[in-house]
């Protein structure tokens, strides 16, 4: 007897709508489904503040690297202006 013989009554069936919809919330209020998008995490204030300026962090890093490289490559020399 192998593992297939251990449960002869086990039959693989197509999933029913109950099984397919099991991971979706059950809405008893008819308007709850239409209002559910407001509670989605993408509309939270923390998500909005974190993603308000996409690419800003990498831009600051890139600009800082550029300024440091420029200062190392060509340091500023301050010359006093000569008067006539």
PDB file of N, CA and C in Angstrom:
ATOM      1  N   UNK A   1       0.828  -1.185   0.000  1.00  0.00           N
ATOM      2  CA  UNK A   1       0.000   0.000   0.000  1.00  0.00           C
ATOM      3  C   UNK A   1       0.874   1.251   0.000  1.00  0.00           C
ATOM      4  N   UNK A   2       0.633   2.134  -0.903  1.00  0.00           N
ATOM      5  CA  UNK A   2       1.384   3.379  -1.005  1.00  0.00           C
ATOM      6  C   UNK A   2       0.575   4.545  -0.459  1.00  0.00           C
ATOM      7  N   UNK A   3       1.110   5.715  -0.566  1.00  0.00           N
ATOM      8  CA  UNK A   3       0.407   6.890  -0.063  1.00  0.00           C
ATOM      9  C   UNK A   3      -0.885   7.165  -0.826  1.00  0.00           C
ATOM     10  N   UNK A   4      -0.967   6.743  -2.070  1.00  0.00           N
ATOM     11  CA  UNK A   4      -2.191   6.964  -2.833  1.00  0.00           C
ATOM     12  C   UNK A   4      -3.323   6.085  -2.330  1.00  0.00           C
ATOM     13  N   UNK A   5      -2.992   4.939  -1.773  1.00  0.00           N
ATOM     14  CA  UNK A   5      -4.021   4.037  -1.270  1.00  0.00           C
ATOM     15  C   UNK A   5      -4.480   4.415   0.135  1.00  0.00           C
ATOM     16  N   UNK A   6      -3.803   5.311   0.798  1.00  0.00           N
ATOM     17  CA  UNK A   6      -4.144   5.658   2.177  1.00  0.00           C
ATOM     18  C   UNK A   6      -5.486   6.367   2.253  1.00  0.00           C
ATOM     19  N   UNK A   7      -5.834   7.143   1.265  1.00  0.00           N
ATOM     20  CA  UNK A   7      -7.126   7.836   1.289  1.00  0.00           C
ATOM     21  C   UNK A   7      -7.829   7.613  -0.047  1.00  0.00           C
ATOM     22  N   UNK A   8      -8.507   6.494  -0.192  1.00  0.00           N
ATOM     23  CA  UNK A   8      -9.148   6.191  -1.474  1.00  0.00           C
ATOM     24  C   UNK A   8     -10.338   7.096  -1.775  1.00  0.00           C
ATOM     25  N   UNK A   9     -10.910   7.736  -0.772  1.00  0.00           N
ATOM     26  CA  UNK A   9     -12.072   8.585  -1.002  1.00  0.00           C
ATOM     27  C   UNK A   9     -11.684  10.030  -1.348  1.00  0.00           C
ATOM     28  N   UNK A  10     -10.399  10.300  -1.312  1.00  0.00           N
ATOM     29  CA  UNK A  10      -9.942  11.650  -1.635  1.00  0.00           C
ATOM     30  C   UNK A  10     -10.035  11.851  -3.147  1.00  0.00           C
ATOM     31  N   UNK A  11     -10.899  12.744  -3.556  1.00  0.00           N
ATOM     32  CA  UNK A  11     -11.113  13.021  -4.971  1.00  0.00           C
ATOM     33  C   UNK A  11     -10.793  14.497  -5.209  1.00  0.00           C
ATOM     34  N   UNK A  12     -10.052  14.729  -6.245  1.00  0.00           N
ATOM     35  CA  UNK A  12      -9.699  16.120  -6.559  1.00  0.00           C
ATOM     36  C   UNK A  12     -10.823  16.740  -7.380  1.00  0.00           C
ATOM     37  N   UNK A  13     -11.435  17.778  -6.828  1.00  0.00           N
ATOM     38  CA  UNK A  13     -12.540  18.462  -7.487  1.00  0.00           C
ATOM     39  C   UNK A  13     -12.105  19.864  -7.904  1.00  0.00           C
ATOM     40  N   UNK A  14     -12.839  20.431  -8.823  1.00  0.00           N
ATOM     41  CA  UNK A  14     -12.595  21.817  -9.195  1.00  0.00           C
ATOM     42  C   UNK A  14     -12.983  22.709  -8.020  1.00  0.00           C
ATOM     43  N   UNK A  15     -12.239  23.773  -7.791  1.00  0.00           N
ATOM     44  CA  UNK A  15     -12.581  24.635  -6.654  1.00  0.00           C
ATOM     45  C   UNK A  15     -13.923  25.323  -6.872  1.00  0.00           C
ATOM     46  N   UNK A  16     -14.682  25.400  -5.822  1.00  0.00           N
ATOM     47  CA  UNK A  16     -15.979  26.070  -5.893  1.00  0.00           C
ATOM     48  C   UNK A  16     -15.781  27.553  -5.658  1.00  0.00           C
ATOM     49  N   UNK A  17     -16.821  28.315  -5.826  1.00  0.00           N
ATOM     50  CA  UNK A  17     -16.741  29.757  -5.626  1.00  0.00           C
ATOM     51  C   UNK A  17     -16.405  30.083  -4.175  1.00  0.00           C
ATOM     52  N   UNK A  18     -16.820  29.236  -3.245  1.00  0.00           N
ATOM     53  CA  UNK A  18     -16.516  29.461  -1.831  1.00  0.00           C
ATOM     54  C   UNK A  18     -15.017  29.349  -1.594  1.00  0.00           C
ATOM     55  N   UNK A  19     -14.383  28.370  -2.215  1.00  0.00           N
ATOM     56  CA  UNK A  19     -12.947  28.186  -2.050  1.00  0.00           C
ATOM     57  C   UNK A  19     -12.188  29.313  -2.746  1.00  0.00           C
ATOM     58  N   UNK A  20     -12.616  29.693  -3.923  1.00  0.00           N
ATOM     59  CA  UNK A  20     -11.940  30.737  -4.678  1.00  0.00           C
ATOM     60  C   UNK A  20     -12.056  32.080  -3.964  1.00  0.00           C
ATOM     61  N   UNK A  21     -13.201  32.381  -3.412  1.00  0.00           N
ATOM     62  CA  UNK A  21     -13.433  33.659  -2.752  1.00  0.00           C
ATOM     63  C   UNK A  21     -13.070  33.638  -1.270  1.00  0.00           C
ATOM     64  N   UNK A  22     -12.422  32.579  -0.794  1.00  0.00           N
ATOM     65  CA  UNK A  22     -12.130  32.462   0.633  1.00  0.00           C
ATOM     66  C   UNK A  22     -11.162  33.534   1.111  1.00  0.00           C
ATOM     67  N   UNK A  23     -10.253  33.980   0.255  1.00  0.00           N
ATOM     68  CA  UNK A  23      -9.295  34.982   0.699  1.00  0.00           C
ATOM     69  C   UNK A  23      -9.810  36.410   0.551  1.00  0.00           C
ATOM     70  N   UNK A  24     -10.995  36.602   0.012  1.00  0.00           N
ATOM     71  CA  UNK A  24     -11.600  37.923  -0.093  1.00  0.00           C
ATOM     72  C   UNK A  24     -12.535  38.138   1.095  1.00  0.00           C
ATOM     73  N   UNK A  25     -12.599  39.362   1.621  1.00  0.00           N
ATOM     74  CA  UNK A  25     -13.479  39.601   2.761  1.00  0.00           C
ATOM     75  C   UNK A  25     -14.947  39.479   2.374  1.00  0.00           C
ATOM     76  N   UNK A  26     -15.722  39.046   3.325  1.00  0.00           N
ATOM     77  CA  UNK A  26     -17.161  38.897   3.119  1.00  0.00           C
ATOM     78  C   UNK A  26     -17.825  40.202   3.529  1.00  0.00           C
ATOM     79  N   UNK A  27     -18.533  40.833   2.625  1.00  0.00           N
ATOM     80  CA  UNK A  27     -19.183  42.106   2.906  1.00  0.00           C
ATOM     81  C   UNK A  27     -20.664  41.873   3.170  1.00  0.00           C
ATOM     82  N   UNK A  28     -21.091  42.256   4.349  1.00  0.00           N
ATOM     83  CA  UNK A  28     -22.513  42.143   4.681  1.00  0.00           C
ATOM     84  C   UNK A  28     -23.237  43.453   4.357  1.00  0.00           C
ATOM     85  N   UNK A  29     -22.538  44.546   4.439  1.00  0.00           N
ATOM     86  CA  UNK A  29     -23.101  45.843   4.112  1.00  0.00           C
ATOM     87  C   UNK A  29     -22.963  46.052   2.602  1.00  0.00           C
ATOM     88  N   UNK A  30     -24.034  46.401   1.912  1.00  0.00           N
ATOM     89  CA  UNK A  30     -23.929  46.549   0.456  1.00  0.00           C
ATOM     90  C   UNK A  30     -22.981  47.673   0.026  1.00  0.00           C
ATOM     91  N   UNK A  31     -22.774  48.678   0.871  1.00  0.00           N
ATOM     92  CA  UNK A  31     -21.879  49.767   0.510  1.00  0.00           C
ATOM     93  C   UNK A  31     -20.450  49.523   0.958  1.00  0.00           C
ATOM     94  N   UNK A  32     -20.222  48.527   1.795  1.00  0.00           N
ATOM     95  CA  UNK A  32     -18.879  48.274   2.322  1.00  0.00           C
ATOM     96  C   UNK A  32     -17.902  47.920   1.205  1.00  0.00           C
ATOM     97  N   UNK A  33     -18.353  47.144   0.247  1.00  0.00           N
ATOM     98  CA  UNK A  33     -17.468  46.756  -0.853  1.00  0.00           C
ATOM     99  C   UNK A  33     -17.072  47.978  -1.684  1.00  0.00           C
ATOM    100  N   UNK A  34     -17.991  48.904  -1.835  1.00  0.00           N
ATOM    101  CA  UNK A  34     -17.699  50.100  -2.617  1.00  0.00           C
ATOM    102  C   UNK A  34     -16.804  51.085  -1.865  1.00  0.00           C
ATOM    103  N   UNK A  35     -16.782  50.998  -0.548  1.00  0.00           N
ATOM    104  CA  UNK A  35     -15.960  51.881   0.270  1.00  0.00           C
ATOM    105  C   UNK A  35     -14.644  51.236   0.696  1.00  0.00           C
ATOM    106  N   UNK A  36     -14.425  49.970   0.384  1.00  0.00           N
ATOM    107  CA  UNK A  36     -13.244  49.241   0.860  1.00  0.00           C
ATOM    108  C   UNK A  36     -11.951  49.825   0.312  1.00  0.00           C
ATOM    109  N   UNK A  37     -11.974  50.437  -0.841  1.00  0.00           N
ATOM    110  CA  UNK A  37     -10.756  50.979  -1.427  1.00  0.00           C
ATOM    111  C   UNK A  37     -10.146  52.068  -0.552  1.00  0.00           C
ATOM    112  N   UNK A  38     -10.969  52.744   0.253  1.00  0.00           N
ATOM    113  CA  UNK A  38     -10.461  53.816   1.108  1.00  0.00           C
ATOM    114  C   UNK A  38      -9.541  53.294   2.202  1.00  0.00           C
ATOM    115  N   UNK A  39      -9.706  52.041   2.582  1.00  0.00           N
ATOM    116  CA  UNK A  39      -8.895  51.454   3.639  1.00  0.00           C
ATOM    117  C   UNK A  39      -7.693  50.689   3.086  1.00  0.00           C
ATOM    118  N   UNK A  40      -7.498  50.713   1.788  1.00  0.00           N
ATOM    119  CA  UNK A  40      -6.356  50.032   1.180  1.00  0.00           C
ATOM    120  C   UNK A  40      -5.067  50.719   1.636  1.00  0.00           C
ATOM    121  N   UNK A  41      -4.008  49.955   1.914  1.00  0.00           N
ATOM    122  CA  UNK A  41      -2.765  50.552   2.432  1.00  0.00           C
ATOM    123  C   UNK A  41      -2.126  51.596   1.513  1.00  0.00           C
ATOM    124  N   UNK A  42      -2.389  51.541   0.240  1.00  0.00           N
ATOM    125  CA  UNK A  42      -1.767  52.496  -0.675  1.00  0.00           C
ATOM    126  C   UNK A  42      -2.321  53.908  -0.480  1.00  0.00           C
ATOM    127  N   UNK A  43      -3.474  54.030   0.153  1.00  0.00           N
ATOM    128  CA  UNK A  43      -4.068  55.341   0.380  1.00  0.00           C
ATOM    129  C   UNK A  43      -3.812  55.858   1.794  1.00  0.00           C
ATOM    130  N   UNK A  44      -2.916  55.226   2.535  1.00  0.00           N
ATOM    131  CA  UNK A  44      -2.613  55.678   3.895  1.00  0.00           C
ATOM    132  C   UNK A  44      -1.672  56.881   3.849  1.00  0.00           C
ATOM    133  N   UNK A  45      -1.670  57.657   4.930  1.00  0.00           N
ATOM    134  CA  UNK A  45      -0.821  58.850   4.975  1.00  0.00           C
ATOM    135  C   UNK A  45       0.658  58.490   4.976  1.00  0.00           C
ATOM    136  N   UNK A  46       1.008  57.400   5.655  1.00  0.00           N
ATOM    137  CA  UNK A  46       2.425  57.026   5.703  1.00  0.00           C
ATOM    138  C   UNK A  46       2.930  56.625   4.320  1.00  0.00           C
ATOM    139  N   UNK A  47       2.119  55.923   3.550  1.00  0.00           N
ATOM    140  CA  UNK A  47       2.519  55.545   2.191  1.00  0.00           C
ATOM    141  C   UNK A  47       2.653  56.794   1.322  1.00  0.00           C
ATOM    142  N   UNK A  48       1.723  57.724   1.494  1.00  0.00           N
ATOM    143  CA  UNK A  48       1.753  58.952   0.706  1.00  0.00           C
ATOM    144  C   UNK A  48       3.005  59.765   1.007  1.00  0.00           C
ATOM    145  N   UNK A  49       3.323  59.940   2.294  1.00  0.00           N
ATOM    146  CA  UNK A  49       4.495  60.726   2.662  1.00  0.00           C
ATOM    147  C   UNK A  49       5.790  60.055   2.226  1.00  0.00           C
ATOM    148  N   UNK A  50       5.825  58.729   2.324  1.00  0.00           N
ATOM    149  CA  UNK A  50       7.035  58.000   1.954  1.00  0.00           C
ATOM    150  C   UNK A  50       7.275  58.064   0.444  1.00  0.00           C
ATOM    151  N   UNK A  51       6.224  58.124  -0.338  1.00  0.00           N
ATOM    152  CA  UNK A  51       6.352  58.084  -1.798  1.00  0.00           C
ATOM    153  C   UNK A  51       5.981  59.405  -2.464  1.00  0.00           C
ATOM    154  N   UNK A  52       6.025  60.502  -1.705  1.00  0.00           N
ATOM    155  CA  UNK A  52       5.644  61.790  -2.270  1.00  0.00           C
ATOM    156  C   UNK A  52       6.640  62.242  -3.343  1.00  0.00           C
ATOM    157  N   UNK A  53       7.911  62.017  -3.096  1.00  0.00           N
ATOM    158  CA  UNK A  53       8.943  62.418  -4.051  1.00  0.00           C
ATOM    159  C   UNK A  53       9.732  61.186  -4.474  1.00  0.00           C
ATOM    160  N   UNK A  54       9.235  60.435  -5.439  1.00  0.00           N
ATOM    161  CA  UNK A  54       9.961  59.231  -5.849  1.00  0.00           C
ATOM    162  C   UNK A  54      11.290  59.602  -6.506  1.00  0.00           C
ATOM    163  N   UNK A  55      12.332  58.918  -6.107  1.00  0.00           N
ATOM    164  CA  UNK A  55      13.641  59.166  -6.674  1.00  0.00           C
ATOM    165  C   UNK A  55      14.414  60.281  -6.000  1.00  0.00           C
ATOM    166  N   UNK A  56      13.821  60.949  -5.016  1.00  0.00           N
ATOM    167  CA  UNK A  56      14.500  62.061  -4.353  1.00  0.00           C
ATOM    168  C   UNK A  56      15.735  61.579  -3.598  1.00  0.00           C
ATOM    169  N   UNK A  57      15.626  60.448  -2.925  1.00  0.00           N
ATOM    170  CA  UNK A  57      16.756  59.917  -2.154  1.00  0.00           C
ATOM    171  C   UNK A  57      17.943  59.594  -3.038  1.00  0.00           C
ATOM    172  N   UNK A  58      17.701  58.907  -4.140  1.00  0.00           N
ATOM    173  CA  UNK A  58      18.796  58.545  -5.049  1.00  0.00           C
ATOM    174  C   UNK A  58      19.366  59.791  -5.726  1.00  0.00           C
ATOM    175  N   UNK A  59      18.525  60.795  -5.950  1.00  0.00           N
ATOM    176  CA  UNK A  59      19.012  62.037  -6.551  1.00  0.00           C
ATOM    177  C   UNK A  59      19.940  62.775  -5.592  1.00  0.00           C
ATOM    178  N   UNK A  60      19.600  62.787  -4.305  1.00  0.00           N
ATOM    179  CA  UNK A  60      20.461  63.438  -3.310  1.00  0.00           C
ATOM    180  C   UNK A  60      21.807  62.730  -3.239  1.00  0.00           C
ATOM    181  N   UNK A  61      21.789  61.408  -3.244  1.00  0.00           N
ATOM    182  CA  UNK A  61      23.035  60.638  -3.203  1.00  0.00           C
ATOM    183  C   UNK A  61      23.863  60.899  -4.457  1.00  0.00           C
ATOM    184  N   UNK A  62      23.238  60.876  -5.621  1.00  0.00           N
ATOM    185  CA  UNK A  62      23.963  61.098  -6.875  1.00  0.00           C
ATOM    186  C   UNK A  62      24.560  62.506  -6.919  1.00  0.00           C
ATOM    187  N   UNK A  63      23.806  63.499  -6.481  1.00  0.00           N
ATOM    188  CA  UNK A  63      24.309  64.870  -6.482  1.00  0.00           C
ATOM    189  C   UNK A  63      25.461  65.026  -5.494  1.00  0.00           C
ATOM    190  N   UNK A  64      25.350  64.386  -4.337  1.00  0.00           N
ATOM    191  CA  UNK A  64      26.431  64.447  -3.343  1.00  0.00           C
ATOM    192  C   UNK A  64      27.708  63.823  -3.886  1.00  0.00           C
ATOM    193  N   UNK A  65      27.585  62.694  -4.557  1.00  0.00           N
ATOM    194  CA  UNK A  65      28.752  62.043  -5.160  1.00  0.00           C
ATOM    195  C   UNK A  65      29.361  62.949  -6.225  1.00  0.00           C
ATOM    196  N   UNK A  66      28.533  63.596  -7.005  1.00  0.00           N
ATOM    197  CA  UNK A  66      29.023  64.507  -8.039  1.00  0.00           C
ATOM    198  C   UNK A  66      29.795  65.671  -7.426  1.00  0.00           C
ATOM    199  N   UNK A  67      29.241  66.290  -6.385  1.00  0.00           N
ATOM    200  CA  UNK A  67      29.900  67.437  -5.754  1.00  0.00           C
ATOM    201  C   UNK A  67      31.223  67.018  -5.127  1.00  0.00           C
ATOM    202  N   UNK A  68      31.246  65.877  -4.450  1.00  0.00           N
ATOM    203  CA  UNK A  68      32.483  65.390  -3.837  1.00  0.00           C
ATOM    204  C   UNK A  68      33.533  65.106  -4.910  1.00  0.00           C
ATOM    205  N   UNK A  69      33.134  64.451  -5.978  1.00  0.00           N
ATOM    206  CA  UNK A  69      34.060  64.161  -7.082  1.00  0.00           C
ATOM    207  C   UNK A  69      34.592  65.456  -7.696  1.00  0.00           C
ATOM    208  N   UNK A  70      33.722  66.421  -7.886  1.00  0.00           N
ATOM    209  CA  UNK A  70      34.124  67.686  -8.487  1.00  0.00           C
ATOM    210  C   UNK A  70      35.109  68.432  -7.589  1.00  0.00           C
ATOM    211  N   UNK A  71      34.882  68.394  -6.285  1.00  0.00           N
ATOM    212  CA  UNK A  71      35.792  69.065  -5.351  1.00  0.00           C
ATOM    213  C   UNK A  71      37.150  68.367  -5.299  1.00  0.00           C
ATOM    214  N   UNK A  72      37.165  67.060  -5.391  1.00  0.00           N
ATOM    215  CA  UNK A  72      38.428  66.320  -5.375  1.00  0.00           C
ATOM    216  C   UNK A  72      39.183  66.537  -6.682  1.00  0.00           C
ATOM    217  N   UNK A  73      38.476  66.514  -7.775  1.00  0.00           N
ATOM    218  CA  UNK A  73      39.085  66.635  -9.101  1.00  0.00           C
ATOM    219  C   UNK A  73      39.619  68.042  -9.361  1.00  0.00           C
ATOM    220  N   UNK A  74      38.833  69.048  -9.032  1.00  0.00           N
ATOM    221  CA  UNK A  74      39.235  70.434  -9.268  1.00  0.00           C
ATOM    222  C   UNK A  74      38.938  71.258  -8.016  1.00  0.00           C
ATOM    223  N   UNK A  75      39.846  71.243  -7.059  1.00  0.00           N
ATOM    224  CA  UNK A  75      39.585  72.027  -5.841  1.00  0.00           C
ATOM    225  C   UNK A  75      39.557  73.520  -6.145  1.00  0.00           C
ATOM    226  N   UNK A  76      38.765  74.227  -5.394  1.00  0.00           N
ATOM    227  CA  UNK A  76      38.646  75.670  -5.595  1.00  0.00           C
ATOM    228  C   UNK A  76      39.913  76.368  -5.110  1.00  0.00           C
ATOM    229  N   UNK A  77      40.307  77.311  -5.865  1.00  0.00           N
ATOM    230  CA  UNK A  77      41.425  78.151  -5.434  1.00  0.00           C
ATOM    231  C   UNK A  77      40.911  79.580  -5.385  1.00  0.00           C
ATOM    232  N   UNK A  78      41.036  80.181  -4.242  1.00  0.00           N
ATOM    233  CA  UNK A  78      40.542  81.542  -4.071  1.00  0.00           C
ATOM    234  C   UNK A  78      41.720  82.492  -4.279  1.00  0.00           C
ATOM    235  N   UNK A  79      41.600  83.307  -5.278  1.00  0.00           N
ATOM    236  CA  UNK A  79      42.639  84.292  -5.575  1.00  0.00           C
ATOM    237  C   UNK A  79      42.092  85.672  -5.254  1.00  0.00           C
ATOM    238  N   UNK A  80      42.921  86.445  -4.622  1.00  0.00           N
ATOM    239  CA  UNK A  80      42.503  87.808  -4.325  1.00  0.00           C
ATOM    240  C   UNK A  80      42.593  88.632  -5.606  1.00  0.00           C
ATOM    241  N   UNK A  81      41.604  89.425  -5.797  1.00  0.00           N
ATOM    242  CA  UNK A  81      41.584  90.260  -6.996  1.00  0.00           C
ATOM    243  C   UNK A  81      42.659  91.332  -6.882  1.00  0.00           C
ATOM    244  N   UNK A  82      43.382  91.476  -7.948  1.00  0.00           N
ATOM    245  CA  UNK A  82      44.438  92.480  -7.968  1.00  0.00           C
ATOM    246  C   UNK A  82      43.856  93.792  -8.467  1.00  0.00           C
ATOM    247  N   UNK A  83      44.138  94.823  -7.716  1.00  0.00           N
ATOM    248  CA  UNK A  83      43.653  96.137  -8.128  1.00  0.00           C
ATOM    249  C   UNK A  83      44.668  96.775  -9.064  1.00  0.00           C
ATOM    250  N   UNK A  84      44.208  97.666  -9.928  1.00  0.00           N
ATOM    251  CA  UNK A  84      45.089  98.316 -10.895  1.00  0.00           C
ATOM    252  C   UNK A  84      46.009  99.238 -10.201  1.00  0.00           C
TER     253      UNK A  84
END
